[in-house]
Amino acid sequence: MNSKWQLLYYVKKDGTKPVEEYIKKCSINERAKTLAFIEHLIEKGPDLNRPYADLLEDGIHELRIKLTGNQVRILYFFCYNDIIILTNVFEKHTDKVPKSEIKIAKKYRNDFLGRYTEQEIRRLL
């Protein structure tokens, strides 16, 4: 298994990147903390466990970040042995991750894998 994973932000058909746009809107301190968590994910991949990350269902994982009292979750999936795709992000206000957010992550995963071959994804890296 690779010790260093590669990361991509999911790109919607209109060209927007939900996770990247969220990060850009964060304060400098929140952005730094979020990017540090993402870097930790890149280093550990699927070996990153609670309290930093968790498997939700059907290959969808959550990166668990606390920003200024808010529980922020970035959902992601792994593909092609060494690639992490960050799909969507939201502030969590309930005990469980909303099914609607998991559904969005699955939809984005299916769209992403349907639009790009492995070769095309590797060219994006």
C-alpha atoms as a PDB file:
ATOM      1  CA  MET A   1       0.000   0.000   0.000  1.00  0.00           C
ATOM      2  CA  ASN A   2       1.192   3.526  -0.748  1.00  0.00           C
ATOM      3  CA  SER A   3       2.287   5.703   2.120  1.00  0.00           C
ATOM      4  CA  LYS A   4       1.428   8.877   0.212  1.00  0.00           C
ATOM      5  CA  TRP A   5      -1.995   9.341  -1.317  1.00  0.00           C
ATOM      6  CA  GLN A   6      -2.957  11.797  -4.033  1.00  0.00           C
ATOM      7  CA  LEU A   7      -5.918  14.119  -3.641  1.00  0.00           C
ATOM      8  CA  LEU A   8      -8.449  15.717  -5.958  1.00  0.00           C
ATOM      9  CA  TYR A   9     -11.438  17.922  -5.298  1.00  0.00           C
ATOM     10  CA  TYR A  10     -14.646  16.733  -6.943  1.00  0.00           C
ATOM     11  CA  VAL A  11     -15.576  19.093  -9.789  1.00  0.00           C
ATOM     12  CA  LYS A  12     -19.253  19.523 -10.556  1.00  0.00           C
ATOM     13  CA  LYS A  13     -20.342  19.684 -14.193  1.00  0.00           C
ATOM     14  CA  ASP A  14     -20.571  23.484 -13.903  1.00  0.00           C
ATOM     15  CA  GLY A  15     -16.882  23.601 -12.914  1.00  0.00           C
ATOM     16  CA  THR A  16     -17.377  24.369  -9.219  1.00  0.00           C
ATOM     17  CA  LYS A  17     -15.526  22.461  -6.505  1.00  0.00           C
ATOM     18  CA  PRO A  18     -17.715  22.346  -3.365  1.00  0.00           C
ATOM     19  CA  VAL A  19     -14.978  21.467  -0.861  1.00  0.00           C
ATOM     20  CA  GLU A  20     -12.379  23.832  -2.276  1.00  0.00           C
ATOM     21  CA  GLU A  21     -14.890  26.692  -2.333  1.00  0.00           C
ATOM     22  CA  TYR A  22     -15.825  26.041   1.300  1.00  0.00           C
ATOM     23  CA  ILE A  23     -12.168  26.121   2.324  1.00  0.00           C
ATOM     24  CA  LYS A  24     -11.606  29.413   0.482  1.00  0.00           C
ATOM     25  CA  LYS A  25     -14.447  30.991   2.478  1.00  0.00           C
ATOM     26  CA  CYS A  26     -12.931  29.959   5.830  1.00  0.00           C
ATOM     27  CA  SER A  27     -10.961  32.338   8.019  1.00  0.00           C
ATOM     28  CA  ILE A  28      -7.177  32.026   7.819  1.00  0.00           C
ATOM     29  CA  ASN A  29      -7.051  29.923  11.020  1.00  0.00           C
ATOM     30  CA  GLU A  30      -9.949  27.675   9.934  1.00  0.00           C
ATOM     31  CA  ARG A  31      -8.381  27.226   6.499  1.00  0.00           C
ATOM     32  CA  ALA A  32      -5.031  26.286   8.044  1.00  0.00           C
ATOM     33  CA  LYS A  33      -6.652  23.735  10.356  1.00  0.00           C
ATOM     34  CA  THR A  34      -8.759  22.246   7.546  1.00  0.00           C
ATOM     35  CA  LEU A  35      -5.758  21.948   5.228  1.00  0.00           C
ATOM     36  CA  ALA A  36      -3.735  20.338   8.049  1.00  0.00           C
ATOM     37  CA  PHE A  37      -6.480  17.706   8.473  1.00  0.00           C
ATOM     38  CA  ILE A  38      -6.521  17.123   4.706  1.00  0.00           C
ATOM     39  CA  GLU A  39      -2.729  16.738   4.717  1.00  0.00           C
ATOM     40  CA  HIS A  40      -3.071  14.193   7.543  1.00  0.00           C
ATOM     41  CA  LEU A  41      -5.583  12.303   5.370  1.00  0.00           C
ATOM     42  CA  ILE A  42      -3.161  12.359   2.424  1.00  0.00           C
ATOM     43  CA  GLU A  43      -0.412  10.927   4.644  1.00  0.00           C
ATOM     44  CA  LYS A  44      -2.513   8.175   6.260  1.00  0.00           C
ATOM     45  CA  GLY A  45      -5.136   7.363   3.604  1.00  0.00           C
ATOM     46  CA  PRO A  46      -7.570   4.695   4.822  1.00  0.00           C
ATOM     47  CA  ASP A  47      -5.450   4.193   7.953  1.00  0.00           C
ATOM     48  CA  LEU A  48      -6.681   7.530   9.320  1.00  0.00           C
ATOM     49  CA  ASN A  49      -9.231   6.629  11.996  1.00  0.00           C
ATOM     50  CA  ARG A  50     -11.323   8.287  14.671  1.00  0.00           C
ATOM     51  CA  PRO A  51     -11.267  10.930  15.943  1.00  0.00           C
ATOM     52  CA  TYR A  52     -10.015  12.322  12.598  1.00  0.00           C
ATOM     53  CA  ALA A  53     -11.934  10.195  10.107  1.00  0.00           C
ATOM     54  CA  ASP A  54     -14.560   7.488   9.915  1.00  0.00           C
ATOM     55  CA  LEU A  55     -16.192   5.198   7.367  1.00  0.00           C
ATOM     56  CA  LEU A  56     -19.871   6.073   6.959  1.00  0.00           C
ATOM     57  CA  GLU A  57     -21.290   3.622   4.426  1.00  0.00           C
ATOM     58  CA  ASP A  58     -20.702   2.150   0.984  1.00  0.00           C
ATOM     59  CA  GLY A  59     -17.136   3.463   0.705  1.00  0.00           C
ATOM     60  CA  ILE A  60     -18.011   7.018   1.742  1.00  0.00           C
ATOM     61  CA  HIS A  61     -15.798   8.394   4.527  1.00  0.00           C
ATOM     62  CA  GLU A  62     -15.892  11.541   6.642  1.00  0.00           C
ATOM     63  CA  LEU A  63     -13.053  13.812   7.684  1.00  0.00           C
ATOM     64  CA  ARG A  64     -14.040  15.147  11.110  1.00  0.00           C
ATOM     65  CA  ILE A  65     -12.976  18.725  11.870  1.00  0.00           C
ATOM     66  CA  LYS A  66     -14.006  21.091  14.657  1.00  0.00           C
ATOM     67  CA  LEU A  67     -13.840  24.730  13.545  1.00  0.00           C
ATOM     68  CA  THR A  68     -14.755  27.562  15.913  1.00  0.00           C
ATOM     69  CA  GLY A  69     -17.194  25.330  17.782  1.00  0.00           C
ATOM     70  CA  ASN A  70     -18.747  23.908  14.591  1.00  0.00           C
ATOM     71  CA  GLN A  71     -18.494  20.250  13.647  1.00  0.00           C
ATOM     72  CA  VAL A  72     -17.450  20.276   9.996  1.00  0.00           C
ATOM     73  CA  ARG A  73     -17.457  17.140   7.887  1.00  0.00           C
ATOM     74  CA  ILE A  74     -15.755  16.654   4.537  1.00  0.00           C
ATOM     75  CA  LEU A  75     -16.971  13.541   2.747  1.00  0.00           C
ATOM     76  CA  TYR A  76     -14.661  11.619   0.441  1.00  0.00           C
ATOM     77  CA  PHE A  77     -13.941   8.296  -1.231  1.00  0.00           C
ATOM     78  CA  PHE A  78     -10.881   6.366  -2.377  1.00  0.00           C
ATOM     79  CA  CYS A  79     -10.325   5.163  -5.926  1.00  0.00           C
ATOM     80  CA  TYR A  80      -7.626   3.477  -8.023  1.00  0.00           C
ATOM     81  CA  ASN A  81      -5.496   2.376  -5.060  1.00  0.00           C
ATOM     82  CA  ASP A  82      -3.975   5.782  -4.254  1.00  0.00           C
ATOM     83  CA  ILE A  83      -6.420   8.612  -4.981  1.00  0.00           C
ATOM     84  CA  ILE A  84      -8.720  10.442  -2.569  1.00  0.00           C
ATOM     85  CA  ILE A  85     -11.629  12.463  -3.956  1.00  0.00           C
ATOM     86  CA  LEU A  86     -13.135  15.091  -1.627  1.00  0.00           C
ATOM     87  CA  THR A  87     -16.801  15.342  -2.607  1.00  0.00           C
ATOM     88  CA  ASN A  88     -18.795  17.626  -0.309  1.00  0.00           C
ATOM     89  CA  VAL A  89     -18.639  19.500   2.979  1.00  0.00           C
ATOM     90  CA  PHE A  90     -21.184  20.600   5.560  1.00  0.00           C
ATOM     91  CA  GLU A  91     -21.553  21.720   9.152  1.00  0.00           C
ATOM     92  CA  LYS A  92     -22.964  18.926  11.285  1.00  0.00           C
ATOM     93  CA  HIS A  93     -25.749  19.922  13.686  1.00  0.00           C
ATOM     94  CA  THR A  94     -27.087  16.467  14.614  1.00  0.00           C
ATOM     95  CA  ASP A  95     -25.597  13.328  16.160  1.00  0.00           C
ATOM     96  CA  LYS A  96     -25.477  11.469  12.860  1.00  0.00           C
ATOM     97  CA  VAL A  97     -24.321  12.502   9.429  1.00  0.00           C
ATOM     98  CA  PRO A  98     -27.483  13.338   7.465  1.00  0.00           C
ATOM     99  CA  LYS A  99     -28.392  10.686   4.902  1.00  0.00           C
ATOM    100  CA  SER A 100     -28.895  13.520   2.400  1.00  0.00           C
ATOM    101  CA  GLU A 101     -25.180  14.415   2.631  1.00  0.00           C
ATOM    102  CA  ILE A 102     -24.131  10.777   2.146  1.00  0.00           C
ATOM    103  CA  LYS A 103     -26.475  10.599  -0.837  1.00  0.00           C
ATOM    104  CA  ILE A 104     -24.786  13.690  -2.341  1.00  0.00           C
ATOM    105  CA  ALA A 105     -21.347  12.107  -1.853  1.00  0.00           C
ATOM    106  CA  LYS A 106     -22.498   8.914  -3.581  1.00  0.00           C
ATOM    107  CA  LYS A 107     -24.039  10.913  -6.417  1.00  0.00           C
ATOM    108  CA  TYR A 108     -20.811  12.887  -6.875  1.00  0.00           C
ATOM    109  CA  ARG A 109     -18.749   9.671  -6.762  1.00  0.00           C
ATOM    110  CA  ASN A 110     -20.896   8.032  -9.433  1.00  0.00           C
ATOM    111  CA  ASP A 111     -20.740  11.176 -11.570  1.00  0.00           C
ATOM    112  CA  PHE A 112     -16.975  11.513 -11.159  1.00  0.00           C
ATOM    113  CA  LEU A 113     -16.196   7.878 -11.958  1.00  0.00           C
ATOM    114  CA  GLY A 114     -18.635   7.995 -14.883  1.00  0.00           C
ATOM    115  CA  ARG A 115     -17.022  11.082 -16.399  1.00  0.00           C
ATOM    116  CA  TYR A 116     -13.352  10.173 -16.023  1.00  0.00           C
ATOM    117  CA  THR A 117     -11.301   7.093 -16.779  1.00  0.00           C
ATOM    118  CA  GLU A 118      -8.399   6.247 -14.492  1.00  0.00           C
ATOM    119  CA  GLN A 119      -5.977   7.653 -17.087  1.00  0.00           C
ATOM    120  CA  GLU A 120      -7.886  10.943 -17.260  1.00  0.00           C
ATOM    121  CA  ILE A 121      -7.981  11.200 -13.458  1.00  0.00           C
ATOM    122  CA  ARG A 122      -4.224  10.628 -13.256  1.00  0.00           C
ATOM    123  CA  ARG A 123      -3.676  13.440 -15.777  1.00  0.00           C
ATOM    124  CA  LEU A 124      -5.631  15.763 -13.445  1.00  0.00           C
ATOM    125  CA  LEU A 125      -3.179  15.088 -10.595  1.00  0.00           C
END
